Amino acid sequence: MTATKSERQSAILALVNRGSVHTQQEIASALARRGVRATQATVSRDIQELGLVRAGRGYRSSAVLGRDLILSIELVDPIAVIRTPPGTANLVARRIDEASLPGVAGTVAGDDTIFALLRGRGAGKALRELLSSAE
């Protein structure tokens, strides 16, 4: 069957939300079992457009990473120090930057630590809410 881009991407999101896929080839195979044809290159483009990232338990939506990847948040005015598992700080920093919170001037990410520069006292609360409610 020829699925529309929207139908294909909805099917990919359903697979990812079940946590059942770890590679692009697994996604393509799972789509094929559903009768949706997609090359690995198409799946790759869809993953990028959907903002999916590959975490320890397979592909995940960057919007749901907060609970899985935030180990701690410490506010040291005017900076928030956010700890993540090794290799995941850039994913979380991207989520923070894409949220465009008015109180967050920007982020700097290392391997497992993020510094977020805060513009004011209320920004820390908004940042915590973003990272804890990411689902």
C-alpha atoms as a PDB file:
ATOM      1  CA  MET A   1       0.000   0.000   0.000  1.00  0.00           C
ATOM      2  CA  THR A   2       1.148   3.509  -0.665  1.00  0.00           C
ATOM      3  CA  ALA A   3       0.738   5.529   2.494  1.00  0.00           C
ATOM      4  CA  THR A   4       0.803   9.283   2.603  1.00  0.00           C
ATOM      5  CA  LYS A   5       3.695  10.933   4.387  1.00  0.00           C
ATOM      6  CA  SER A   6       1.390  11.833   7.260  1.00  0.00           C
ATOM      7  CA  GLU A   7       0.130   8.239   7.594  1.00  0.00           C
ATOM      8  CA  ARG A   8       3.671   6.870   7.463  1.00  0.00           C
ATOM      9  CA  GLN A   9       4.912   9.311  10.090  1.00  0.00           C
ATOM     10  CA  SER A  10       1.923   8.549  12.323  1.00  0.00           C
ATOM     11  CA  ALA A  11       2.773   4.857  12.068  1.00  0.00           C
ATOM     12  CA  ILE A  12       6.408   5.612  12.977  1.00  0.00           C
ATOM     13  CA  LEU A  13       5.299   7.603  16.024  1.00  0.00           C
ATOM     14  CA  ALA A  14       3.061   4.730  17.112  1.00  0.00           C
ATOM     15  CA  LEU A  15       6.016   2.329  16.881  1.00  0.00           C
ATOM     16  CA  VAL A  16       8.297   4.690  18.773  1.00  0.00           C
ATOM     17  CA  ASN A  17       5.740   5.347  21.503  1.00  0.00           C
ATOM     18  CA  ARG A  18       5.563   1.602  22.170  1.00  0.00           C
ATOM     19  CA  GLY A  19       9.354   1.601  22.515  1.00  0.00           C
ATOM     20  CA  SER A  20       9.665  -1.276  20.113  1.00  0.00           C
ATOM     21  CA  VAL A  21      12.263  -0.028  17.616  1.00  0.00           C
ATOM     22  CA  HIS A  22      15.991   0.538  17.976  1.00  0.00           C
ATOM     23  CA  THR A  23      17.200   1.024  14.402  1.00  0.00           C
ATOM     24  CA  GLN A  24      15.971   2.614  11.198  1.00  0.00           C
ATOM     25  CA  GLN A  25      15.883  -0.820   9.597  1.00  0.00           C
ATOM     26  CA  GLU A  26      13.599  -2.086  12.395  1.00  0.00           C
ATOM     27  CA  ILE A  27      11.277   0.841  11.694  1.00  0.00           C
ATOM     28  CA  ALA A  28      11.249   0.095   7.951  1.00  0.00           C
ATOM     29  CA  SER A  29      10.579  -3.602   8.641  1.00  0.00           C
ATOM     30  CA  ALA A  30       7.791  -2.835  11.107  1.00  0.00           C
ATOM     31  CA  LEU A  31       6.202  -0.486   8.583  1.00  0.00           C
ATOM     32  CA  ALA A  32       6.435  -3.194   5.909  1.00  0.00           C
ATOM     33  CA  ARG A  33       4.633  -5.644   8.232  1.00  0.00           C
ATOM     34  CA  ARG A  34       1.865  -3.036   8.445  1.00  0.00           C
ATOM     35  CA  GLY A  35       1.793  -2.837   4.657  1.00  0.00           C
ATOM     36  CA  VAL A  36       3.546   0.518   4.461  1.00  0.00           C
ATOM     37  CA  ARG A  37       6.500   0.615   2.096  1.00  0.00           C
ATOM     38  CA  ALA A  38       9.376   2.910   3.046  1.00  0.00           C
ATOM     39  CA  THR A  39      13.048   2.849   2.229  1.00  0.00           C
ATOM     40  CA  GLN A  40      15.663   3.361   4.938  1.00  0.00           C
ATOM     41  CA  ALA A  41      16.398   6.793   3.432  1.00  0.00           C
ATOM     42  CA  THR A  42      12.724   7.769   3.721  1.00  0.00           C
ATOM     43  CA  VAL A  43      12.626   6.521   7.314  1.00  0.00           C
ATOM     44  CA  SER A  44      15.763   8.534   8.051  1.00  0.00           C
ATOM     45  CA  ARG A  45      14.141  11.724   6.711  1.00  0.00           C
ATOM     46  CA  ASP A  46      10.965  10.996   8.678  1.00  0.00           C
ATOM     47  CA  ILE A  47      12.959  10.501  11.882  1.00  0.00           C
ATOM     48  CA  GLN A  48      14.624  13.869  11.393  1.00  0.00           C
ATOM     49  CA  GLU A  49      11.360  15.661  10.573  1.00  0.00           C
ATOM     50  CA  LEU A  50       9.609  14.114  13.578  1.00  0.00           C
ATOM     51  CA  GLY A  51      12.427  15.155  15.885  1.00  0.00           C
ATOM     52  CA  LEU A  52      13.084  11.601  17.022  1.00  0.00           C
ATOM     53  CA  VAL A  53      16.307  10.760  18.780  1.00  0.00           C
ATOM     54  CA  ARG A  54      17.969   7.491  19.547  1.00  0.00           C
ATOM     55  CA  ALA A  55      18.273   6.893  23.278  1.00  0.00           C
ATOM     56  CA  GLY A  56      19.231   3.796  25.248  1.00  0.00           C
ATOM     57  CA  ARG A  57      15.848   2.132  24.809  1.00  0.00           C
ATOM     58  CA  GLY A  58      15.551   2.895  21.110  1.00  0.00           C
ATOM     59  CA  TYR A  59      14.089   5.805  19.198  1.00  0.00           C
ATOM     60  CA  ARG A  60      12.148   8.303  21.269  1.00  0.00           C
ATOM     61  CA  SER A  61      10.439  11.589  20.660  1.00  0.00           C
ATOM     62  CA  SER A  62      12.579  14.457  21.871  1.00  0.00           C
ATOM     63  CA  ALA A  63       9.438  15.763  23.552  1.00  0.00           C
ATOM     64  CA  VAL A  64       9.315  12.787  25.944  1.00  0.00           C
ATOM     65  CA  LEU A  65      12.958  12.641  26.897  1.00  0.00           C
ATOM     66  CA  GLY A  66      12.720  14.707  30.065  1.00  0.00           C
ATOM     67  CA  ARG A  67      11.712  12.039  32.530  1.00  0.00           C
ATOM     68  CA  ASP A  68      14.178   9.516  31.156  1.00  0.00           C
ATOM     69  CA  LEU A  69      17.195  11.750  30.810  1.00  0.00           C
ATOM     70  CA  ILE A  70      17.113  14.288  33.631  1.00  0.00           C
ATOM     71  CA  LEU A  71      19.134  13.069  36.593  1.00  0.00           C
ATOM     72  CA  SER A  72      19.163  16.393  38.446  1.00  0.00           C
ATOM     73  CA  ILE A  73      18.611  20.116  38.091  1.00  0.00           C
ATOM     74  CA  GLU A  74      20.481  22.520  40.351  1.00  0.00           C
ATOM     75  CA  LEU A  75      19.794  26.238  40.218  1.00  0.00           C
ATOM     76  CA  VAL A  76      22.835  28.416  40.868  1.00  0.00           C
ATOM     77  CA  ASP A  77      21.471  31.833  39.962  1.00  0.00           C
ATOM     78  CA  PRO A  78      21.622  32.765  37.063  1.00  0.00           C
ATOM     79  CA  ILE A  79      22.566  29.295  35.802  1.00  0.00           C
ATOM     80  CA  ALA A  80      20.782  25.955  35.881  1.00  0.00           C
ATOM     81  CA  VAL A  81      23.108  22.938  36.004  1.00  0.00           C
ATOM     82  CA  ILE A  82      21.348  19.933  34.508  1.00  0.00           C
ATOM     83  CA  ARG A  83      22.846  16.436  34.794  1.00  0.00           C
ATOM     84  CA  THR A  84      21.998  13.688  32.304  1.00  0.00           C
ATOM     85  CA  PRO A  85      23.276  10.183  31.555  1.00  0.00           C
ATOM     86  CA  PRO A  86      26.524  10.149  29.518  1.00  0.00           C
ATOM     87  CA  GLY A  87      26.097  11.123  25.884  1.00  0.00           C
ATOM     88  CA  THR A  88      22.619  12.654  26.234  1.00  0.00           C
ATOM     89  CA  ALA A  89      23.173  16.273  27.258  1.00  0.00           C
ATOM     90  CA  ASN A  90      22.930  17.545  23.672  1.00  0.00           C
ATOM     91  CA  LEU A  91      19.512  15.914  23.242  1.00  0.00           C
ATOM     92  CA  VAL A  92      18.146  17.611  26.341  1.00  0.00           C
ATOM     93  CA  ALA A  93      19.772  20.955  25.493  1.00  0.00           C
ATOM     94  CA  ARG A  94      18.144  20.811  22.072  1.00  0.00           C
ATOM     95  CA  ARG A  95      14.772  20.259  23.734  1.00  0.00           C
ATOM     96  CA  ILE A  96      15.340  23.274  25.989  1.00  0.00           C
ATOM     97  CA  ASP A  97      16.463  25.473  23.075  1.00  0.00           C
ATOM     98  CA  GLU A  98      13.536  24.416  20.870  1.00  0.00           C
ATOM     99  CA  ALA A  99      11.073  25.261  23.653  1.00  0.00           C
ATOM    100  CA  SER A 100      12.185  28.912  23.408  1.00  0.00           C
ATOM    101  CA  LEU A 101      11.366  29.628  27.040  1.00  0.00           C
ATOM    102  CA  PRO A 102      11.470  33.414  27.491  1.00  0.00           C
ATOM    103  CA  GLY A 103      13.498  33.094  30.692  1.00  0.00           C
ATOM    104  CA  VAL A 104      16.244  30.917  29.186  1.00  0.00           C
ATOM    105  CA  ALA A 105      18.871  32.829  27.209  1.00  0.00           C
ATOM    106  CA  GLY A 106      20.572  29.670  25.919  1.00  0.00           C
ATOM    107  CA  THR A 107      22.308  26.415  26.744  1.00  0.00           C
ATOM    108  CA  VAL A 108      25.781  24.916  26.585  1.00  0.00           C
ATOM    109  CA  ALA A 109      25.960  21.117  26.608  1.00  0.00           C
ATOM    110  CA  GLY A 110      28.814  18.760  27.287  1.00  0.00           C
ATOM    111  CA  ASP A 111      28.585  14.980  27.459  1.00  0.00           C
ATOM    112  CA  ASP A 112      26.423  14.677  30.575  1.00  0.00           C
ATOM    113  CA  THR A 113      26.001  18.245  31.825  1.00  0.00           C
ATOM    114  CA  ILE A 114      24.115  21.285  30.552  1.00  0.00           C
ATOM    115  CA  PHE A 115      24.466  24.879  31.660  1.00  0.00           C
ATOM    116  CA  ALA A 116      21.352  26.931  30.949  1.00  0.00           C
ATOM    117  CA  LEU A 117      21.710  30.694  31.369  1.00  0.00           C
ATOM    118  CA  LEU A 118      18.589  32.077  33.049  1.00  0.00           C
ATOM    119  CA  ARG A 119      17.285  35.619  32.605  1.00  0.00           C
ATOM    120  CA  GLY A 120      15.372  35.804  35.878  1.00  0.00           C
ATOM    121  CA  ARG A 121      14.189  34.006  39.005  1.00  0.00           C
ATOM    122  CA  GLY A 122      11.009  32.573  37.474  1.00  0.00           C
ATOM    123  CA  ALA A 123      12.948  30.975  34.641  1.00  0.00           C
ATOM    124  CA  GLY A 124      14.155  28.108  36.830  1.00  0.00           C
ATOM    125  CA  LYS A 125      10.587  27.067  37.595  1.00  0.00           C
ATOM    126  CA  ALA A 126       9.601  27.159  33.916  1.00  0.00           C
ATOM    127  CA  LEU A 127      12.672  25.104  33.024  1.00  0.00           C
ATOM    128  CA  ARG A 128      11.890  22.484  35.681  1.00  0.00           C
ATOM    129  CA  GLU A 129       8.300  22.264  34.427  1.00  0.00           C
ATOM    130  CA  LEU A 130       9.463  21.803  30.844  1.00  0.00           C
ATOM    131  CA  LEU A 131      11.852  19.011  31.768  1.00  0.00           C
ATOM    132  CA  SER A 132       9.560  17.203  34.206  1.00  0.00           C
ATOM    133  CA  SER A 133       6.406  17.358  32.108  1.00  0.00           C
ATOM    134  CA  ALA A 134       7.960  16.270  28.836  1.00  0.00           C
ATOM    135  CA  GLU A 135       5.412  13.659  27.898  1.00  0.00           C
END
